[in-house]
C-alpha atoms as a PDB file:
ATOM      1  CA  UNK A   1     -17.409  13.879   3.588  1.00  0.00           C
ATOM      2  CA  UNK A   2     -18.801  10.677   3.594  1.00  0.00           C
ATOM      3  CA  UNK A   3     -17.097   7.897   5.134  1.00  0.00           C
ATOM      4  CA  UNK A   4     -16.677   4.828   3.078  1.00  0.00           C
ATOM      5  CA  UNK A   5     -16.829   1.394   4.893  1.00  0.00           C
ATOM      6  CA  UNK A   6     -13.675   0.191   3.171  1.00  0.00           C
ATOM      7  CA  UNK A   7     -12.367  -2.950   4.503  1.00  0.00           C
ATOM      8  CA  UNK A   8     -14.228  -2.898   7.751  1.00  0.00           C
ATOM      9  CA  UNK A   9     -16.634  -5.837   6.680  1.00  0.00           C
ATOM     10  CA  UNK A  10     -15.193  -9.116   6.699  1.00  0.00           C
ATOM     11  CA  UNK A  11     -16.655  -9.851   3.418  1.00  0.00           C
ATOM     12  CA  UNK A  12     -14.702  -6.996   1.625  1.00  0.00           C
ATOM     13  CA  UNK A  13     -11.493  -8.369   3.145  1.00  0.00           C
ATOM     14  CA  UNK A  14     -12.252 -11.963   2.060  1.00  0.00           C
ATOM     15  CA  UNK A  15     -13.107 -10.525  -1.343  1.00  0.00           C
ATOM     16  CA  UNK A  16      -9.782  -8.690  -1.692  1.00  0.00           C
ATOM     17  CA  UNK A  17      -7.722 -11.757  -0.258  1.00  0.00           C
ATOM     18  CA  UNK A  18      -9.326 -14.044  -2.825  1.00  0.00           C
ATOM     19  CA  UNK A  19      -8.889 -12.058  -5.749  1.00  0.00           C
ATOM     20  CA  UNK A  20      -5.695  -9.731  -5.134  1.00  0.00           C
ATOM     21  CA  UNK A  21      -3.281 -11.629  -7.631  1.00  0.00           C
ATOM     22  CA  UNK A  22      -6.173 -11.568 -10.279  1.00  0.00           C
ATOM     23  CA  UNK A  23      -6.832  -7.574  -9.587  1.00  0.00           C
ATOM     24  CA  UNK A  24      -3.555  -5.976  -8.830  1.00  0.00           C
ATOM     25  CA  UNK A  25      -0.899  -6.166 -11.824  1.00  0.00           C
ATOM     26  CA  UNK A  26       2.457  -7.161 -10.744  1.00  0.00           C
ATOM     27  CA  UNK A  27       1.578  -7.654  -6.997  1.00  0.00           C
ATOM     28  CA  UNK A  28       4.141 -10.398  -6.303  1.00  0.00           C
ATOM     29  CA  UNK A  29       6.661  -8.345  -7.822  1.00  0.00           C
ATOM     30  CA  UNK A  30       5.685  -5.169  -6.081  1.00  0.00           C
ATOM     31  CA  UNK A  31       5.887  -6.792  -2.475  1.00  0.00           C
ATOM     32  CA  UNK A  32       9.264  -8.093  -3.340  1.00  0.00           C
ATOM     33  CA  UNK A  33      10.748  -4.983  -4.749  1.00  0.00           C
ATOM     34  CA  UNK A  34       9.244  -3.061  -1.552  1.00  0.00           C
ATOM     35  CA  UNK A  35      10.690  -5.720   0.934  1.00  0.00           C
ATOM     36  CA  UNK A  36      13.941  -5.925  -0.578  1.00  0.00           C
ATOM     37  CA  UNK A  37      14.607  -2.230  -0.571  1.00  0.00           C
ATOM     38  CA  UNK A  38      13.212  -1.874   2.870  1.00  0.00           C
ATOM     39  CA  UNK A  39      15.838  -4.335   4.127  1.00  0.00           C
ATOM     40  CA  UNK A  40      18.899  -2.757   2.001  1.00  0.00           C
ATOM     41  CA  UNK A  41      19.896  -0.251   4.508  1.00  0.00           C
ATOM     42  CA  UNK A  42      19.386  -1.146   8.194  1.00  0.00           C
ATOM     43  CA  UNK A  43      20.911  -0.585  11.448  1.00  0.00           C
ATOM     44  CA  UNK A  44      22.019  -3.222  13.868  1.00  0.00           C
ATOM     45  CA  UNK A  45      18.440  -3.605  15.351  1.00  0.00           C
ATOM     46  CA  UNK A  46      16.146  -2.994  12.458  1.00  0.00           C
ATOM     47  CA  UNK A  47      12.576  -1.604  12.967  1.00  0.00           C
ATOM     48  CA  UNK A  48      10.180  -1.345  10.369  1.00  0.00           C
ATOM     49  CA  UNK A  49       6.681   0.337   9.973  1.00  0.00           C
ATOM     50  CA  UNK A  50       4.000  -0.959   7.440  1.00  0.00           C
ATOM     51  CA  UNK A  51       1.214   1.405   7.096  1.00  0.00           C
ATOM     52  CA  UNK A  52      -1.942   0.403   5.627  1.00  0.00           C
ATOM     53  CA  UNK A  53      -0.666  -3.283   6.383  1.00  0.00           C
ATOM     54  CA  UNK A  54      -3.700  -5.211   5.375  1.00  0.00           C
ATOM     55  CA  UNK A  55      -2.947  -8.874   6.057  1.00  0.00           C
ATOM     56  CA  UNK A  56       0.507  -8.553   6.406  1.00  0.00           C
ATOM     57  CA  UNK A  57       2.222  -9.590   3.150  1.00  0.00           C
ATOM     58  CA  UNK A  58       4.958  -7.064   3.227  1.00  0.00           C
ATOM     59  CA  UNK A  59       5.638  -7.602   6.778  1.00  0.00           C
ATOM     60  CA  UNK A  60       5.749 -11.304   6.055  1.00  0.00           C
ATOM     61  CA  UNK A  61       8.363 -10.853   3.575  1.00  0.00           C
ATOM     62  CA  UNK A  62      10.397  -8.345   5.482  1.00  0.00           C
ATOM     63  CA  UNK A  63      10.825 -10.730   8.402  1.00  0.00           C
ATOM     64  CA  UNK A  64      11.659 -13.322   5.836  1.00  0.00           C
ATOM     65  CA  UNK A  65      14.587 -11.431   4.562  1.00  0.00           C
ATOM     66  CA  UNK A  66      15.505 -10.015   8.040  1.00  0.00           C
ATOM     67  CA  UNK A  67      14.602 -12.487  10.673  1.00  0.00           C
ATOM     68  CA  UNK A  68      16.092 -10.294  13.597  1.00  0.00           C
ATOM     69  CA  UNK A  69      13.928  -7.309  12.753  1.00  0.00           C
ATOM     70  CA  UNK A  70      10.717  -5.909  14.411  1.00  0.00           C
ATOM     71  CA  UNK A  71       7.662  -4.581  12.598  1.00  0.00           C
ATOM     72  CA  UNK A  72       4.929  -2.392  13.722  1.00  0.00           C
ATOM     73  CA  UNK A  73       1.577  -2.836  11.495  1.00  0.00           C
ATOM     74  CA  UNK A  74      -0.864  -0.111  11.165  1.00  0.00           C
ATOM     75  CA  UNK A  75      -4.229  -0.367   9.623  1.00  0.00           C
ATOM     76  CA  UNK A  76      -7.965   0.738  10.525  1.00  0.00           C
ATOM     77  CA  UNK A  77      -9.511  -2.373   9.913  1.00  0.00           C
ATOM     78  CA  UNK A  78      -9.874  -4.707  12.567  1.00  0.00           C
ATOM     79  CA  UNK A  79     -10.767  -7.329   9.882  1.00  0.00           C
ATOM     80  CA  UNK A  80      -7.598  -7.294   8.334  1.00  0.00           C
ATOM     81  CA  UNK A  81      -5.934  -7.743  11.786  1.00  0.00           C
ATOM     82  CA  UNK A  82      -7.944 -10.760  12.316  1.00  0.00           C
ATOM     83  CA  UNK A  83      -6.727 -12.474   8.996  1.00  0.00           C
ATOM     84  CA  UNK A  84      -3.126 -10.860   9.645  1.00  0.00           C
ATOM     85  CA  UNK A  85      -3.074 -12.813  12.841  1.00  0.00           C
ATOM     86  CA  UNK A  86      -4.255 -16.121  11.042  1.00  0.00           C
ATOM     87  CA  UNK A  87      -1.539 -15.733   8.515  1.00  0.00           C
ATOM     88  CA  UNK A  88       1.296 -14.513  10.728  1.00  0.00           C
ATOM     89  CA  UNK A  89       0.630 -16.339  13.945  1.00  0.00           C
ATOM     90  CA  UNK A  90       1.696 -14.930  17.407  1.00  0.00           C
ATOM     91  CA  UNK A  91       4.890 -13.637  16.414  1.00  0.00           C
ATOM     92  CA  UNK A  92       6.876 -11.330  19.105  1.00  0.00           C
ATOM     93  CA  UNK A  93       8.465  -9.307  16.575  1.00  0.00           C
ATOM     94  CA  UNK A  94       5.088  -7.868  15.308  1.00  0.00           C
ATOM     95  CA  UNK A  95       3.121  -5.135  16.959  1.00  0.00           C
ATOM     96  CA  UNK A  96      -0.481  -4.287  15.663  1.00  0.00           C
ATOM     97  CA  UNK A  97      -2.155  -1.016  15.836  1.00  0.00           C
ATOM     98  CA  UNK A  98      -5.539  -0.193  14.517  1.00  0.00           C
ATOM     99  CA  UNK A  99      -5.531   3.508  13.297  1.00  0.00           C
ATOM    100  CA  UNK A 100      -6.985   5.528  10.566  1.00  0.00           C
ATOM    101  CA  UNK A 101      -4.152   7.020   8.537  1.00  0.00           C
ATOM    102  CA  UNK A 102      -6.534   9.838   7.668  1.00  0.00           C
ATOM    103  CA  UNK A 103      -5.345  11.105  10.940  1.00  0.00           C
ATOM    104  CA  UNK A 104      -1.594  10.734  10.500  1.00  0.00           C
ATOM    105  CA  UNK A 105       0.455   8.409  12.606  1.00  0.00           C
ATOM    106  CA  UNK A 106      -0.522   7.209  16.083  1.00  0.00           C
ATOM    107  CA  UNK A 107       0.899   9.215  18.918  1.00  0.00           C
ATOM    108  CA  UNK A 108       2.608   6.118  20.425  1.00  0.00           C
ATOM    109  CA  UNK A 109       4.812   6.077  17.156  1.00  0.00           C
ATOM    110  CA  UNK A 110       5.819   9.470  16.849  1.00  0.00           C
ATOM    111  CA  UNK A 111       8.735   9.071  19.486  1.00  0.00           C
ATOM    112  CA  UNK A 112      10.406   6.076  17.806  1.00  0.00           C
ATOM    113  CA  UNK A 113      12.546   5.830  14.683  1.00  0.00           C
ATOM    114  CA  UNK A 114      12.372   3.250  11.832  1.00  0.00           C
ATOM    115  CA  UNK A 115      14.748   2.185   9.333  1.00  0.00           C
ATOM    116  CA  UNK A 116      12.042   2.059   6.569  1.00  0.00           C
ATOM    117  CA  UNK A 117       8.294   2.817   6.444  1.00  0.00           C
ATOM    118  CA  UNK A 118       6.580   0.823   3.789  1.00  0.00           C
ATOM    119  CA  UNK A 119       3.086   0.403   2.197  1.00  0.00           C
ATOM    120  CA  UNK A 120       1.576  -1.525  -0.368  1.00  0.00           C
ATOM    121  CA  UNK A 121      -1.766  -1.040  -2.218  1.00  0.00           C
ATOM    122  CA  UNK A 122      -3.022   1.145   0.590  1.00  0.00           C
ATOM    123  CA  UNK A 123      -2.333   4.758   0.714  1.00  0.00           C
ATOM    124  CA  UNK A 124      -4.723   5.531  -2.269  1.00  0.00           C
ATOM    125  CA  UNK A 125      -7.499   5.120   0.490  1.00  0.00           C
ATOM    126  CA  UNK A 126      -6.348   8.203   2.063  1.00  0.00           C
ATOM    127  CA  UNK A 127      -7.876  11.472   1.321  1.00  0.00           C
ATOM    128  CA  UNK A 128      -5.706  13.639  -0.921  1.00  0.00           C
ATOM    129  CA  UNK A 129      -5.963  16.627   1.522  1.00  0.00           C
ATOM    130  CA  UNK A 130      -4.573  14.349   4.448  1.00  0.00           C
ATOM    131  CA  UNK A 131      -1.346  12.968   2.454  1.00  0.00           C
ATOM    132  CA  UNK A 132       1.284  15.762   3.248  1.00  0.00           C
ATOM    133  CA  UNK A 133       0.550  15.462   6.994  1.00  0.00           C
ATOM    134  CA  UNK A 134       0.752  11.734   6.796  1.00  0.00           C
ATOM    135  CA  UNK A 135       4.098  11.910   4.816  1.00  0.00           C
ATOM    136  CA  UNK A 136       5.395  14.551   7.165  1.00  0.00           C
ATOM    137  CA  UNK A 137       4.866  12.335  10.250  1.00  0.00           C
ATOM    138  CA  UNK A 138       6.475   9.443   8.215  1.00  0.00           C
ATOM    139  CA  UNK A 139       9.627  11.493   7.436  1.00  0.00           C
ATOM    140  CA  UNK A 140       9.665  12.312  11.105  1.00  0.00           C
ATOM    141  CA  UNK A 141       9.861   8.827  12.446  1.00  0.00           C
ATOM    142  CA  UNK A 142      12.492   7.643   9.753  1.00  0.00           C
ATOM    143  CA  UNK A 143      16.194   7.321  10.631  1.00  0.00           C
ATOM    144  CA  UNK A 144      18.561   9.741   8.903  1.00  0.00           C
ATOM    145  CA  UNK A 145      19.018   7.425   5.948  1.00  0.00           C
ATOM    146  CA  UNK A 146      15.727   5.751   6.129  1.00  0.00           C
ATOM    147  CA  UNK A 147      13.242   4.978   3.243  1.00  0.00           C
ATOM    148  CA  UNK A 148       9.550   5.421   2.672  1.00  0.00           C
ATOM    149  CA  UNK A 149       8.396   3.025   0.086  1.00  0.00           C
ATOM    150  CA  UNK A 150       5.147   3.181  -1.415  1.00  0.00           C
ATOM    151  CA  UNK A 151       3.844   0.636  -3.732  1.00  0.00           C
ATOM    152  CA  UNK A 152       0.510   1.787  -4.747  1.00  0.00           C
ATOM    153  CA  UNK A 153      -2.198   2.190  -7.386  1.00  0.00           C
ATOM    154  CA  UNK A 154      -1.815   5.504  -9.355  1.00  0.00           C
ATOM    155  CA  UNK A 155      -3.621   7.303 -12.152  1.00  0.00           C
ATOM    156  CA  UNK A 156      -2.089   9.072 -15.348  1.00  0.00           C
ATOM    157  CA  UNK A 157      -1.773  12.726 -15.336  1.00  0.00           C
ATOM    158  CA  UNK A 158      -3.737  12.924 -18.725  1.00  0.00           C
ATOM    159  CA  UNK A 159      -7.374  12.389 -18.529  1.00  0.00           C
ATOM    160  CA  UNK A 160      -6.928  10.627 -21.930  1.00  0.00           C
ATOM    161  CA  UNK A 161      -4.118   8.377 -20.656  1.00  0.00           C
ATOM    162  CA  UNK A 162      -5.753   7.768 -17.601  1.00  0.00           C
ATOM    163  CA  UNK A 163      -9.003   6.385 -19.088  1.00  0.00           C
ATOM    164  CA  UNK A 164      -6.997   4.262 -21.489  1.00  0.00           C
ATOM    165  CA  UNK A 165      -4.644   2.983 -18.448  1.00  0.00           C
ATOM    166  CA  UNK A 166      -8.092   2.064 -16.705  1.00  0.00           C
ATOM    167  CA  UNK A 167      -9.179   0.201 -19.623  1.00  0.00           C
ATOM    168  CA  UNK A 168      -6.099  -1.634 -20.143  1.00  0.00           C
ATOM    169  CA  UNK A 169      -6.298  -2.772 -16.308  1.00  0.00           C
ATOM    170  CA  UNK A 170      -9.538  -3.934 -16.852  1.00  0.00           C
ATOM    171  CA  UNK A 171      -8.338  -5.997 -20.079  1.00  0.00           C
ATOM    172  CA  UNK A 172      -5.738  -7.406 -17.867  1.00  0.00           C
ATOM    173  CA  UNK A 173      -8.272  -8.536 -15.232  1.00  0.00           C
ATOM    174  CA  UNK A 174     -10.378 -10.241 -17.561  1.00  0.00           C
ATOM    175  CA  UNK A 175      -7.405 -12.292 -18.932  1.00  0.00           C
ATOM    176  CA  UNK A 176      -6.328 -13.153 -15.310  1.00  0.00           C
ATOM    177  CA  UNK A 177      -9.822 -14.434 -14.749  1.00  0.00           C
ATOM    178  CA  UNK A 178     -10.031 -16.366 -17.500  1.00  0.00           C
ATOM    179  CA  UNK A 179      -6.408 -17.734 -17.292  1.00  0.00           C
ATOM    180  CA  UNK A 180      -6.586 -18.536 -13.479  1.00  0.00           C
ATOM    181  CA  UNK A 181     -10.308 -19.598 -12.996  1.00  0.00           C
ATOM    182  CA  UNK A 182     -11.177 -20.569 -16.521  1.00  0.00           C
ATOM    183  CA  UNK A 183     -14.162 -18.124 -16.498  1.00  0.00           C
ATOM    184  CA  UNK A 184     -14.975 -15.932 -19.324  1.00  0.00           C
ATOM    185  CA  UNK A 185     -15.825 -12.422 -18.078  1.00  0.00           C
ATOM    186  CA  UNK A 186     -17.204  -9.527 -20.216  1.00  0.00           C
ATOM    187  CA  UNK A 187     -15.129  -6.470 -20.226  1.00  0.00           C
ATOM    188  CA  UNK A 188     -18.153  -4.094 -19.376  1.00  0.00           C
ATOM    189  CA  UNK A 189     -19.043  -6.110 -16.694  1.00  0.00           C
ATOM    190  CA  UNK A 190     -15.722  -6.409 -14.986  1.00  0.00           C
ATOM    191  CA  UNK A 191     -15.154  -2.666 -15.643  1.00  0.00           C
ATOM    192  CA  UNK A 192     -18.571  -1.712 -14.045  1.00  0.00           C
ATOM    193  CA  UNK A 193     -17.963  -4.001 -10.990  1.00  0.00           C
ATOM    194  CA  UNK A 194     -14.317  -2.035 -10.467  1.00  0.00           C
ATOM    195  CA  UNK A 195     -15.989   1.252 -10.516  1.00  0.00           C
ATOM    196  CA  UNK A 196     -18.667   0.176  -8.101  1.00  0.00           C
ATOM    197  CA  UNK A 197     -15.888  -1.460  -6.001  1.00  0.00           C
ATOM    198  CA  UNK A 198     -13.691   1.975  -5.977  1.00  0.00           C
ATOM    199  CA  UNK A 199     -16.919   3.563  -4.811  1.00  0.00           C
ATOM    200  CA  UNK A 200     -17.518   1.268  -2.014  1.00  0.00           C
ATOM    201  CA  UNK A 201     -13.841   1.485  -0.903  1.00  0.00           C
ATOM    202  CA  UNK A 202     -13.626   5.110  -1.521  1.00  0.00           C
ATOM    203  CA  UNK A 203     -10.339   4.681  -3.545  1.00  0.00           C
ATOM    204  CA  UNK A 204      -8.880   8.051  -4.799  1.00  0.00           C
ATOM    205  CA  UNK A 205      -5.687   7.203  -6.433  1.00  0.00           C
ATOM    206  CA  UNK A 206      -3.439  10.346  -7.454  1.00  0.00           C
ATOM    207  CA  UNK A 207      -0.891  10.592 -10.106  1.00  0.00           C
ATOM    208  CA  UNK A 208       2.908   9.843  -9.553  1.00  0.00           C
ATOM    209  CA  UNK A 209       3.504  13.549  -9.837  1.00  0.00           C
ATOM    210  CA  UNK A 210       1.141  14.537  -7.218  1.00  0.00           C
ATOM    211  CA  UNK A 211       2.707  12.122  -5.008  1.00  0.00           C
ATOM    212  CA  UNK A 212       6.432  13.446  -5.828  1.00  0.00           C
ATOM    213  CA  UNK A 213       5.008  16.922  -5.127  1.00  0.00           C
ATOM    214  CA  UNK A 214       3.373  16.243  -1.598  1.00  0.00           C
ATOM    215  CA  UNK A 215       6.345  14.184  -0.476  1.00  0.00           C
ATOM    216  CA  UNK A 216       8.765  17.140  -1.239  1.00  0.00           C
ATOM    217  CA  UNK A 217       6.203  19.336   0.454  1.00  0.00           C
ATOM    218  CA  UNK A 218       6.604  16.893   3.294  1.00  0.00           C
ATOM    219  CA  UNK A 219      10.376  17.551   3.472  1.00  0.00           C
ATOM    220  CA  UNK A 220      11.666  14.619   1.629  1.00  0.00           C
ATOM    221  CA  UNK A 221      14.833  15.845  -0.497  1.00  0.00           C
ATOM    222  CA  UNK A 222      14.420  13.015  -3.082  1.00  0.00           C
ATOM    223  CA  UNK A 223      11.115  11.095  -4.556  1.00  0.00           C
ATOM    224  CA  UNK A 224      11.749   8.548  -7.443  1.00  0.00           C
ATOM    225  CA  UNK A 225       9.509   6.205  -9.148  1.00  0.00           C
ATOM    226  CA  UNK A 226      11.448   2.883  -9.425  1.00  0.00           C
ATOM    227  CA  UNK A 227       8.966   0.521 -10.709  1.00  0.00           C
ATOM    228  CA  UNK A 228       5.783   0.579 -12.775  1.00  0.00           C
ATOM    229  CA  UNK A 229       3.337  -2.088 -14.163  1.00  0.00           C
ATOM    230  CA  UNK A 230      -0.041  -0.840 -15.545  1.00  0.00           C
ATOM    231  CA  UNK A 231      -1.448   1.634 -13.003  1.00  0.00           C
ATOM    232  CA  UNK A 232       0.597   0.202 -10.087  1.00  0.00           C
ATOM    233  CA  UNK A 233       3.806   1.713  -9.132  1.00  0.00           C
ATOM    234  CA  UNK A 234       6.611   1.902  -6.545  1.00  0.00           C
ATOM    235  CA  UNK A 235       7.682   5.461  -5.123  1.00  0.00           C
ATOM    236  CA  UNK A 236      10.572   5.673  -2.907  1.00  0.00           C
ATOM    237  CA  UNK A 237      11.414   9.036  -0.890  1.00  0.00           C
ATOM    238  CA  UNK A 238      14.639   9.669   1.146  1.00  0.00           C
ATOM    239  CA  UNK A 239      16.965  12.469   2.105  1.00  0.00           C
ATOM    240  CA  UNK A 240      20.069  10.421   0.895  1.00  0.00           C
END
């Protein structure tokens, strides 16, 4: 399978950082819900794992809510980590590991336990055939009452609704660009650019139902969708 360049180029990272709030519906709310859920059920020395961490928005919010915690951040993009270090600074509560989640979790993490594993807007980059194994390994590193919280992009099960939802998302972006930047962008142009961007990054969102099935196949007893806006949603898996 062809390997997409993803966020290995600083140009792609800078583009995503600049336009994230105009291309991801409910981004701020997603980050807030994920961080608040993650810090709700914690041990005396809370540890968190942020997979597909990007420049560290979720990690930053978790540490604001739980200053005595430690977070391990995993991402395959060195350019993302360069930006994360610029934003987060030299913080001894944070450990950064460069690793491709298509290969599961890094071996160095498999013997530890975490209060929660979180991810935001990242796992739709993982190949479908690799997700069950990744989820299985995530379950294995969670504490008994731990949560796996995934805020991500999804597609509808129905092709008809999936196409409508994609177009609805494009309309939202056109509005956000106009409202934020004062620029008029044609719907067809924005749609074409998004399709090209998806191809460039190798985006492959699944359905919420696919995710629920994969999580249960990985051994989780429960998997619930706790929030949804446009084609973005938060799915939480746990055994409690």
